[in-house]
C-alpha cells in the first residue's frame, strides 16, 4: 500500500525526470527554431509543472493558445519599432507611445485570460501555469544565449 508521502515523492521524481527530459531535448536541438516544437515543449512543460490532468489540459490549452495568438500580434507590432531612426524624435516618441500601449494591452489580455483560466482551473494550478511559462521562457532564452555564444566561439 502506498502512503501519501510516497505518492508525493513519486510525483516529484516524475516532475524532475520530465523537466530534465525537456531540458535535454531542448539542449540537443541544434537547428533552426521550430515554433510548433517550441509550443509542444512549452505545453508539455506546463502540464508537468502544474500537474494538469488530460481533461484539464484539454480545456485549458485552447484558451491558452488563443491568448498566445493575441499576444503574438501585439509583440509583432512592437517588433516593427526596433529598427527606427533614433535621431528622429517624432518617430521615436510615436514608437514609445505604441510600445507602451501594447504593453498595457498585453497586461490587460493576461488579466482577462487569467480570469477565464480561474473559471476552469483551481487558482493554485493557474499560478503554477504562470510560473511554469515564465520558467520555460527563461530556460529557452538561456539556452539560445548559450547556443549563440557557442557559435561565436567556433
Protein backbone atom coordinates (compact mmCIF):
# COMPACT_ATOMS: atom_id res chain seq x y z
CA UNK A 1 0.00 0.00 0.00
CA UNK A 2 1.37 3.41 -0.95
CA UNK A 3 1.37 6.16 1.59
CA UNK A 4 0.56 9.75 0.69
CA UNK A 5 4.22 10.75 1.18
CA UNK A 6 5.42 8.06 -1.22
CA UNK A 7 2.95 9.24 -3.86
CA UNK A 8 4.14 12.84 -3.43
CA UNK A 9 7.77 11.74 -3.70
CA UNK A 10 6.97 9.71 -6.81
CA UNK A 11 5.31 12.75 -8.37
CA UNK A 12 8.36 14.87 -7.57
CA UNK A 13 10.64 12.31 -9.20
CA UNK A 14 8.40 12.23 -12.28
CA UNK A 15 8.40 16.03 -12.49
CA UNK A 16 12.20 16.17 -12.17
CA UNK A 17 12.62 13.49 -14.83
CA UNK A 18 10.21 15.29 -17.15
CA UNK A 19 11.98 18.63 -16.66
CA UNK A 20 15.36 17.02 -17.31
CA UNK A 21 13.99 15.29 -20.39
CA UNK A 22 12.65 18.59 -21.74
CA UNK A 23 15.92 20.35 -20.96
CA UNK A 24 17.96 17.64 -22.68
CA UNK A 25 15.69 17.71 -25.71
CA UNK A 26 15.88 21.48 -25.93
CA UNK A 27 19.66 21.47 -25.44
CA UNK A 28 20.16 18.85 -28.11
CA UNK A 29 18.28 20.94 -30.63
CA UNK A 30 20.94 22.40 -32.92
CA UNK A 31 18.82 23.53 -35.83
CA UNK A 32 16.56 26.39 -36.78
CA UNK A 33 13.78 27.47 -34.48
CA UNK A 34 10.67 25.31 -34.87
CA UNK A 35 7.61 27.16 -33.49
CA UNK A 36 5.45 24.01 -33.41
CA UNK A 37 8.08 22.11 -31.43
CA UNK A 38 8.59 25.07 -29.11
CA UNK A 39 4.82 25.22 -28.46
CA UNK A 40 4.59 21.46 -27.90
CA UNK A 41 7.55 21.54 -25.50
CA UNK A 42 6.06 24.52 -23.66
CA UNK A 43 2.71 22.81 -23.28
CA UNK A 44 4.32 19.59 -22.06
CA UNK A 45 6.38 21.57 -19.57
CA UNK A 46 3.25 23.34 -18.30
CA UNK A 47 1.33 20.05 -17.99
CA UNK A 48 4.18 18.55 -15.98
CA UNK A 49 4.88 21.56 -13.78
CA UNK A 50 1.21 22.26 -12.98
CA UNK A 51 0.26 18.56 -12.81
CA UNK A 52 -2.63 19.08 -15.21
CA UNK A 53 -4.90 16.14 -15.86
CA UNK A 54 -5.67 15.31 -19.51
CA UNK A 55 -9.15 16.78 -19.04
CA UNK A 56 -7.74 20.00 -17.52
CA UNK A 57 -5.19 20.29 -20.31
CA UNK A 58 -7.83 19.79 -22.99
CA UNK A 59 -9.96 22.64 -21.60
CA UNK A 60 -7.05 24.92 -20.71
CA UNK A 61 -4.85 24.88 -23.82
CA UNK A 62 -7.38 26.16 -26.36
CA UNK A 63 -7.80 29.29 -24.19
CA UNK A 64 -4.05 29.49 -23.65
CA UNK A 65 -3.36 29.32 -27.39
CA UNK A 66 -5.98 31.99 -28.01
CA UNK A 67 -4.19 34.29 -25.54
CA UNK A 68 -0.80 33.49 -27.08
CA UNK A 69 -2.04 34.37 -30.58
CA UNK A 70 -3.38 37.72 -29.40
CA UNK A 71 -0.15 38.48 -27.54
CA UNK A 72 1.92 37.47 -30.56
CA UNK A 73 0.15 40.00 -32.77
CA UNK A 74 0.92 42.76 -30.23
CA UNK A 75 4.56 41.65 -29.98
CA UNK A 76 4.77 41.72 -33.78
CA UNK A 77 3.53 45.31 -33.78
CA UNK A 78 6.14 46.24 -31.18
CA UNK A 79 8.91 44.50 -33.13
CA UNK A 80 8.38 46.93 -36.02
CA UNK A 81 9.74 49.70 -33.83
CA UNK A 82 13.08 48.04 -33.04
CA UNK A 83 14.70 49.36 -36.19
CA UNK A 84 13.78 53.01 -36.39
CA UNK A 85 15.86 56.11 -36.84
CA UNK A 86 16.67 57.20 -33.28
CA UNK A 87 17.71 60.62 -34.49
CA UNK A 88 14.09 61.40 -35.43
CA UNK A 89 12.45 62.43 -32.14
CA UNK A 90 8.93 62.49 -33.58
CA UNK A 91 9.19 58.90 -34.82
CA UNK A 92 10.79 57.83 -31.54
CA UNK A 93 8.02 59.44 -29.48
CA UNK A 94 5.42 57.65 -31.60
CA UNK A 95 7.28 54.34 -31.14
CA UNK A 96 7.43 54.81 -27.38
CA UNK A 97 3.72 55.55 -27.27
CA UNK A 98 2.81 52.48 -29.35
CA UNK A 99 5.12 50.22 -27.35
CA UNK A 100 3.66 51.49 -24.07
CA UNK A 101 0.10 50.99 -25.31
CA UNK A 102 0.91 47.47 -26.47
CA UNK A 103 2.50 46.64 -23.11
CA UNK A 104 -0.71 47.79 -21.40
CA UNK A 105 -2.82 45.77 -23.86
CA UNK A 106 -0.74 42.66 -23.18
CA UNK A 107 -1.22 43.06 -19.42
CA UNK A 108 -4.97 43.58 -19.87
CA UNK A 109 -5.15 40.48 -22.05
CA UNK A 110 -3.26 38.46 -19.45
CA UNK A 111 -5.56 39.70 -16.72
CA UNK A 112 -8.70 38.87 -18.71
CA UNK A 113 -7.44 35.40 -19.58
CA UNK A 114 -6.32 34.72 -16.03
CA UNK A 115 -9.95 35.30 -15.01
CA UNK A 116 -11.03 32.82 -17.71
CA UNK A 117 -8.41 30.31 -16.53
CA UNK A 118 -9.69 30.63 -12.96
CA UNK A 119 -13.16 29.63 -14.14
CA UNK A 120 -11.87 26.27 -15.41
CA UNK A 121 -8.95 25.52 -13.08
CA UNK A 122 -8.14 25.95 -9.38
CA UNK A 123 -6.15 29.10 -8.54
CA UNK A 124 -3.17 27.04 -7.41
CA UNK A 125 -2.86 25.38 -10.80
CA UNK A 126 -3.26 28.69 -12.63
CA UNK A 127 -0.39 30.14 -10.59
CA UNK A 128 1.72 27.04 -11.30
CA UNK A 129 0.98 27.50 -15.01
CA UNK A 130 2.05 31.17 -14.90
CA UNK A 131 5.27 30.22 -13.10
CA UNK A 132 5.92 27.30 -15.47
CA UNK A 133 5.51 29.50 -18.53
CA UNK A 134 7.94 32.07 -17.13
CA UNK A 135 10.43 29.36 -16.17
CA UNK A 136 10.22 27.72 -19.60
CA UNK A 137 10.83 31.02 -21.37
CA UNK A 138 13.81 31.81 -19.11
CA UNK A 139 15.26 28.36 -19.82
CA UNK A 140 14.72 28.80 -23.57
CA UNK A 141 16.32 32.25 -23.50
CA UNK A 142 19.36 30.95 -21.59
CA UNK A 143 19.66 28.02 -24.00
CA UNK A 144 19.51 30.34 -27.02
CA UNK A 145 22.06 32.70 -25.47
CA UNK A 146 24.38 29.78 -24.76
CA UNK A 147 23.88 28.44 -28.26
CA UNK A 148 24.72 31.87 -29.72
CA UNK A 149 27.85 32.20 -27.58
CA UNK A 150 28.94 28.68 -28.58
CA UNK A 151 28.53 29.61 -32.24
CA UNK A 152 30.62 32.75 -31.77
CA UNK A 153 33.37 30.76 -30.07
CA UNK A 154 33.70 28.46 -33.10
